Amino acid sequence: MTRLLSRAPERLHHHAYVVKDQEKNRQFFEDILGIPLTATWCEKHFNAWVGREVSFCHTFYSLGDGGALAFFSFADEEVYRKTQAEKPRKSGVSITSPSRSMKPPSPNSPAASKPPD
């Protein structure tokens, strides 16, 4: 039987998502939400899913607790398709600053802004 931690982790270093277009994603997180892009790098490695070398880029957006939202984009359409879930996942972000408090709009709201693919 697995033993549970005696206390919860203090923070999450980062959580990564796959996106199709890093620039559209940057526009949403940095230009609209105001979450700063703090790191970007690209690499290449052999991908067993497709049996060839694949290029991909990482981007990181800083969160107030020292963690980050991380995103990957693949230069290979086949690899991108293989990363997509059968059913979309939902996530939410809460942003609080001295001048404002923002929570994601209801998914049924006509004014809801969605991040790009």
N, C-alpha and C. Protein backbone atom coordinates (compact mmCIF):
# COMPACT_ATOMS: atom_id res chain seq x y z
N MET A 1 0.84 -1.18 0.00
CA MET A 1 0.00 0.00 0.00
C MET A 1 0.89 1.25 0.00
N THR A 2 0.51 2.24 -0.78
CA THR A 2 1.26 3.48 -0.86
C THR A 2 1.03 4.32 0.39
N ARG A 3 2.11 4.87 0.91
CA ARG A 3 2.03 5.72 2.09
C ARG A 3 1.88 7.16 1.64
N LEU A 4 0.92 7.89 2.19
CA LEU A 4 0.70 9.29 1.85
C LEU A 4 1.75 10.17 2.51
N LEU A 5 2.00 11.32 1.93
CA LEU A 5 2.91 12.29 2.51
C LEU A 5 2.35 12.78 3.84
N SER A 6 3.24 13.12 4.77
CA SER A 6 2.78 13.63 6.06
C SER A 6 2.23 15.04 5.93
N ARG A 7 2.67 15.77 4.89
CA ARG A 7 2.10 17.09 4.60
C ARG A 7 2.15 17.31 3.09
N ALA A 8 1.29 18.17 2.61
CA ALA A 8 1.19 18.44 1.17
C ALA A 8 2.44 19.19 0.68
N PRO A 9 2.81 19.01 -0.59
CA PRO A 9 3.92 19.79 -1.14
C PRO A 9 3.65 21.29 -1.00
N GLU A 10 4.71 22.06 -0.82
CA GLU A 10 4.54 23.50 -0.62
C GLU A 10 4.20 24.25 -1.90
N ARG A 11 4.70 23.81 -3.03
CA ARG A 11 4.38 24.45 -4.30
C ARG A 11 4.70 23.50 -5.44
N LEU A 12 4.21 23.85 -6.59
CA LEU A 12 4.46 23.09 -7.81
C LEU A 12 5.50 23.86 -8.62
N HIS A 13 6.58 23.21 -9.01
CA HIS A 13 7.62 23.90 -9.79
C HIS A 13 7.06 24.37 -11.13
N HIS A 14 6.45 23.45 -11.89
CA HIS A 14 5.78 23.83 -13.12
C HIS A 14 4.81 22.75 -13.56
N HIS A 15 3.88 23.13 -14.39
CA HIS A 15 2.93 22.21 -14.99
C HIS A 15 2.96 22.49 -16.48
N ALA A 16 3.15 21.46 -17.31
CA ALA A 16 3.35 21.67 -18.74
C ALA A 16 2.14 21.26 -19.57
N TYR A 17 1.89 22.03 -20.60
CA TYR A 17 0.83 21.77 -21.57
C TYR A 17 1.44 21.81 -22.97
N VAL A 18 0.83 21.11 -23.90
CA VAL A 18 1.26 21.16 -25.30
C VAL A 18 0.36 22.16 -26.03
N VAL A 19 0.97 23.05 -26.81
CA VAL A 19 0.22 24.02 -27.61
C VAL A 19 0.67 23.92 -29.07
N LYS A 20 -0.18 24.34 -29.95
CA LYS A 20 0.14 24.29 -31.37
C LYS A 20 0.93 25.52 -31.80
N ASP A 21 0.61 26.68 -31.24
CA ASP A 21 1.21 27.94 -31.69
C ASP A 21 1.73 28.71 -30.48
N GLN A 22 3.05 28.71 -30.28
CA GLN A 22 3.64 29.39 -29.12
C GLN A 22 3.38 30.90 -29.14
N GLU A 23 3.38 31.52 -30.30
CA GLU A 23 3.17 32.97 -30.34
C GLU A 23 1.75 33.35 -29.95
N LYS A 24 0.75 32.62 -30.41
CA LYS A 24 -0.63 32.90 -29.98
C LYS A 24 -0.76 32.66 -28.48
N ASN A 25 -0.12 31.61 -28.00
CA ASN A 25 -0.14 31.31 -26.58
C ASN A 25 0.52 32.45 -25.78
N ARG A 26 1.67 32.95 -26.27
CA ARG A 26 2.34 34.06 -25.61
C ARG A 26 1.46 35.31 -25.58
N GLN A 27 0.80 35.60 -26.69
CA GLN A 27 -0.08 36.76 -26.73
C GLN A 27 -1.17 36.66 -25.66
N PHE A 28 -1.74 35.48 -25.48
CA PHE A 28 -2.79 35.29 -24.48
C PHE A 28 -2.23 35.47 -23.07
N PHE A 29 -1.18 34.71 -22.73
CA PHE A 29 -0.69 34.74 -21.35
C PHE A 29 0.03 36.03 -20.99
N GLU A 30 0.82 36.57 -21.91
CA GLU A 30 1.61 37.77 -21.59
C GLU A 30 0.84 39.06 -21.89
N ASP A 31 0.30 39.18 -23.09
CA ASP A 31 -0.35 40.43 -23.49
C ASP A 31 -1.75 40.60 -22.88
N ILE A 32 -2.51 39.52 -22.74
CA ILE A 32 -3.87 39.65 -22.21
C ILE A 32 -3.90 39.45 -20.70
N LEU A 33 -3.32 38.35 -20.21
CA LEU A 33 -3.36 38.08 -18.77
C LEU A 33 -2.26 38.80 -17.98
N GLY A 34 -1.19 39.18 -18.65
CA GLY A 34 -0.10 39.87 -17.96
C GLY A 34 0.85 38.96 -17.20
N ILE A 35 0.85 37.66 -17.54
CA ILE A 35 1.77 36.71 -16.90
C ILE A 35 3.06 36.71 -17.71
N PRO A 36 4.19 37.06 -17.10
CA PRO A 36 5.42 37.25 -17.88
C PRO A 36 6.05 35.96 -18.40
N LEU A 37 6.47 36.01 -19.66
CA LEU A 37 7.29 34.95 -20.25
C LEU A 37 8.69 35.10 -19.69
N THR A 38 9.21 34.06 -19.04
CA THR A 38 10.51 34.19 -18.38
C THR A 38 11.60 33.29 -18.94
N ALA A 39 11.24 32.30 -19.74
CA ALA A 39 12.26 31.43 -20.32
C ALA A 39 11.71 30.75 -21.57
N THR A 40 12.58 30.61 -22.56
CA THR A 40 12.25 29.89 -23.80
C THR A 40 13.50 29.16 -24.27
N TRP A 41 13.35 27.93 -24.68
CA TRP A 41 14.45 27.24 -25.34
C TRP A 41 13.90 26.16 -26.25
N CYS A 42 14.70 25.81 -27.24
CA CYS A 42 14.31 24.77 -28.20
C CYS A 42 15.34 23.66 -28.18
N GLU A 43 14.89 22.45 -28.46
CA GLU A 43 15.78 21.29 -28.50
C GLU A 43 15.33 20.33 -29.58
N LYS A 44 16.11 19.29 -29.75
CA LYS A 44 15.83 18.25 -30.72
C LYS A 44 16.19 16.92 -30.08
N HIS A 45 15.34 15.91 -30.25
CA HIS A 45 15.71 14.58 -29.76
C HIS A 45 14.93 13.52 -30.53
N PHE A 46 15.38 12.29 -30.40
CA PHE A 46 14.71 11.16 -31.06
C PHE A 46 13.39 10.91 -30.35
N ASN A 47 12.30 10.81 -31.12
CA ASN A 47 10.98 10.56 -30.56
C ASN A 47 10.53 9.17 -30.98
N ALA A 48 10.35 8.28 -30.01
CA ALA A 48 9.98 6.89 -30.29
C ALA A 48 8.57 6.78 -30.89
N TRP A 49 7.68 7.73 -30.59
CA TRP A 49 6.32 7.67 -31.15
C TRP A 49 6.34 7.66 -32.67
N VAL A 50 7.24 8.45 -33.25
CA VAL A 50 7.26 8.58 -34.70
C VAL A 50 8.53 8.02 -35.33
N GLY A 51 9.49 7.60 -34.51
CA GLY A 51 10.70 6.96 -35.00
C GLY A 51 11.67 7.87 -35.71
N ARG A 52 11.71 9.13 -35.31
CA ARG A 52 12.64 10.09 -35.94
C ARG A 52 12.95 11.22 -34.96
N GLU A 53 13.96 12.01 -35.32
CA GLU A 53 14.33 13.17 -34.51
C GLU A 53 13.26 14.25 -34.68
N VAL A 54 12.90 14.89 -33.57
CA VAL A 54 11.83 15.90 -33.57
C VAL A 54 12.33 17.14 -32.84
N SER A 55 12.03 18.31 -33.40
CA SER A 55 12.35 19.59 -32.76
C SER A 55 11.14 20.06 -31.97
N PHE A 56 11.41 20.68 -30.82
CA PHE A 56 10.33 21.23 -30.01
C PHE A 56 10.86 22.38 -29.17
N CYS A 57 9.95 23.26 -28.74
CA CYS A 57 10.32 24.41 -27.92
C CYS A 57 9.53 24.40 -26.62
N HIS A 58 10.16 24.91 -25.56
CA HIS A 58 9.55 25.08 -24.24
C HIS A 58 9.41 26.58 -23.96
N THR A 59 8.34 26.97 -23.33
CA THR A 59 8.23 28.33 -22.80
C THR A 59 7.72 28.23 -21.36
N PHE A 60 8.16 29.17 -20.53
CA PHE A 60 7.77 29.20 -19.12
C PHE A 60 7.26 30.59 -18.76
N TYR A 61 6.13 30.65 -18.06
CA TYR A 61 5.52 31.89 -17.60
C TYR A 61 5.51 31.86 -16.07
N SER A 62 6.08 32.88 -15.44
CA SER A 62 6.26 32.90 -13.99
C SER A 62 4.96 33.10 -13.22
N LEU A 63 4.86 32.37 -12.12
CA LEU A 63 3.75 32.52 -11.18
C LEU A 63 4.28 33.12 -9.88
N GLY A 64 3.41 33.71 -9.10
CA GLY A 64 3.79 34.42 -7.90
C GLY A 64 4.47 33.58 -6.84
N ASP A 65 4.22 32.27 -6.82
CA ASP A 65 4.82 31.42 -5.78
C ASP A 65 6.18 30.87 -6.19
N GLY A 66 6.71 31.32 -7.34
CA GLY A 66 7.99 30.82 -7.83
C GLY A 66 7.84 29.68 -8.82
N GLY A 67 6.64 29.17 -8.99
CA GLY A 67 6.39 28.12 -9.96
C GLY A 67 6.18 28.71 -11.35
N ALA A 68 5.76 27.88 -12.28
CA ALA A 68 5.57 28.36 -13.65
C ALA A 68 4.53 27.53 -14.39
N LEU A 69 3.92 28.17 -15.37
CA LEU A 69 3.14 27.45 -16.37
C LEU A 69 4.11 27.20 -17.51
N ALA A 70 4.18 25.97 -17.97
CA ALA A 70 5.13 25.61 -19.02
C ALA A 70 4.37 25.10 -20.23
N PHE A 71 4.90 25.37 -21.41
CA PHE A 71 4.25 24.95 -22.65
C PHE A 71 5.29 24.37 -23.60
N PHE A 72 4.87 23.36 -24.34
CA PHE A 72 5.68 22.72 -25.38
C PHE A 72 4.99 22.95 -26.71
N SER A 73 5.77 23.12 -27.75
CA SER A 73 5.22 23.03 -29.10
C SER A 73 6.19 22.20 -29.92
N PHE A 74 5.62 21.34 -30.76
CA PHE A 74 6.42 20.45 -31.59
C PHE A 74 6.43 20.94 -33.02
N ALA A 75 7.58 20.88 -33.67
CA ALA A 75 7.69 21.28 -35.07
C ALA A 75 7.18 20.17 -35.99
N ASP A 76 6.64 19.12 -35.43
CA ASP A 76 6.17 17.95 -36.18
C ASP A 76 4.67 17.76 -35.92
N GLU A 77 3.87 17.92 -36.95
CA GLU A 77 2.41 17.82 -36.81
C GLU A 77 1.97 16.46 -36.26
N GLU A 78 2.62 15.39 -36.68
CA GLU A 78 2.24 14.06 -36.21
C GLU A 78 2.45 13.93 -34.70
N VAL A 79 3.55 14.44 -34.19
CA VAL A 79 3.80 14.39 -32.74
C VAL A 79 2.79 15.25 -32.01
N TYR A 80 2.51 16.44 -32.55
CA TYR A 80 1.49 17.30 -31.93
C TYR A 80 0.16 16.55 -31.81
N ARG A 81 -0.30 15.93 -32.89
CA ARG A 81 -1.58 15.20 -32.86
C ARG A 81 -1.57 14.09 -31.81
N LYS A 82 -0.45 13.39 -31.67
CA LYS A 82 -0.36 12.30 -30.70
C LYS A 82 -0.42 12.80 -29.25
N THR A 83 -0.16 14.08 -29.03
CA THR A 83 -0.20 14.63 -27.67
C THR A 83 -1.59 15.09 -27.27
N GLN A 84 -2.52 15.12 -28.19
CA GLN A 84 -3.84 15.67 -27.90
C GLN A 84 -4.76 14.62 -27.28
N ALA A 85 -5.42 15.01 -26.21
CA ALA A 85 -6.34 14.12 -25.49
C ALA A 85 -7.61 13.90 -26.31
N GLU A 86 -8.25 12.77 -26.08
CA GLU A 86 -9.52 12.49 -26.74
C GLU A 86 -10.58 13.51 -26.31
N LYS A 87 -10.62 13.83 -25.03
CA LYS A 87 -11.57 14.81 -24.50
C LYS A 87 -10.76 15.96 -23.91
N PRO A 88 -11.14 17.21 -24.20
CA PRO A 88 -10.39 18.34 -23.67
C PRO A 88 -10.41 18.37 -22.14
N ARG A 89 -9.28 18.82 -21.57
CA ARG A 89 -9.20 18.99 -20.12
C ARG A 89 -9.54 20.43 -19.78
N LYS A 90 -10.06 20.64 -18.58
CA LYS A 90 -10.37 21.98 -18.12
C LYS A 90 -9.33 22.38 -17.08
N SER A 91 -9.00 23.66 -17.05
CA SER A 91 -8.14 24.16 -15.99
C SER A 91 -8.55 25.60 -15.72
N GLY A 92 -8.18 26.09 -14.56
CA GLY A 92 -8.52 27.47 -14.20
C GLY A 92 -7.34 28.14 -13.55
N VAL A 93 -7.32 29.45 -13.64
CA VAL A 93 -6.26 30.24 -13.04
C VAL A 93 -6.93 31.37 -12.27
N SER A 94 -6.43 31.65 -11.10
CA SER A 94 -6.92 32.78 -10.33
C SER A 94 -5.78 33.77 -10.17
N ILE A 95 -6.02 35.01 -10.56
CA ILE A 95 -4.99 36.04 -10.50
C ILE A 95 -5.47 37.13 -9.55
N THR A 96 -4.65 37.45 -8.57
CA THR A 96 -5.01 38.51 -7.63
C THR A 96 -3.87 39.50 -7.57
N SER A 97 -4.20 40.76 -7.67
CA SER A 97 -3.21 41.82 -7.50
C SER A 97 -3.86 42.91 -6.67
N PRO A 98 -3.09 43.87 -6.16
CA PRO A 98 -3.70 44.93 -5.35
C PRO A 98 -4.80 45.67 -6.09
N SER A 99 -4.69 45.77 -7.43
CA SER A 99 -5.67 46.56 -8.17
C SER A 99 -6.81 45.74 -8.79
N ARG A 100 -6.67 44.42 -8.80
CA ARG A 100 -7.72 43.63 -9.45
C ARG A 100 -7.70 42.19 -8.98
N SER A 101 -8.80 41.54 -9.20
CA SER A 101 -8.89 40.11 -8.98
C SER A 101 -9.57 39.54 -10.21
N MET A 102 -8.91 38.60 -10.88
CA MET A 102 -9.46 38.00 -12.09
C MET A 102 -9.65 36.52 -11.88
N LYS A 103 -10.79 36.03 -12.26
CA LYS A 103 -11.03 34.60 -12.29
C LYS A 103 -11.52 34.27 -13.69
N PRO A 104 -11.27 33.05 -14.16
CA PRO A 104 -11.72 32.71 -15.52
C PRO A 104 -13.23 32.82 -15.62
N PRO A 105 -13.75 33.34 -16.74
CA PRO A 105 -15.20 33.41 -16.92
C PRO A 105 -15.79 32.02 -17.04
N SER A 106 -17.08 31.94 -16.77
CA SER A 106 -17.79 30.67 -16.93
C SER A 106 -17.64 30.22 -18.38
N PRO A 107 -17.45 28.90 -18.60
CA PRO A 107 -17.32 28.41 -19.99
C PRO A 107 -18.55 28.72 -20.82
N ASN A 108 -19.70 28.94 -20.18
CA ASN A 108 -20.93 29.24 -20.91
C ASN A 108 -21.11 30.73 -21.19
N SER A 109 -20.23 31.56 -20.65
CA SER A 109 -20.31 32.99 -20.81
C SER A 109 -19.95 33.38 -22.24
N PRO A 110 -20.76 34.24 -22.88
CA PRO A 110 -20.42 34.65 -24.25
C PRO A 110 -19.13 35.47 -24.31
N ALA A 111 -18.73 36.06 -23.18
CA ALA A 111 -17.51 36.87 -23.16
C ALA A 111 -16.26 36.07 -22.79
N ALA A 112 -16.43 34.76 -22.66
CA ALA A 112 -15.30 33.93 -22.24
C ALA A 112 -14.20 33.96 -23.29
N SER A 113 -12.98 34.29 -22.85
CA SER A 113 -11.81 34.24 -23.74
C SER A 113 -11.10 32.94 -23.49
N LYS A 114 -10.85 32.21 -24.54
CA LYS A 114 -10.15 30.94 -24.41
C LYS A 114 -8.73 31.09 -24.89
N PRO A 115 -7.78 30.39 -24.24
CA PRO A 115 -6.43 30.39 -24.80
C PRO A 115 -6.43 29.66 -26.13
N PRO A 116 -5.52 30.00 -27.01
CA PRO A 116 -5.45 29.33 -28.32
C PRO A 116 -5.01 27.88 -28.18
N ASP A 117 -5.15 27.13 -29.29
CA ASP A 117 -4.71 25.74 -29.32
C ASP A 117 -3.27 25.62 -28.93
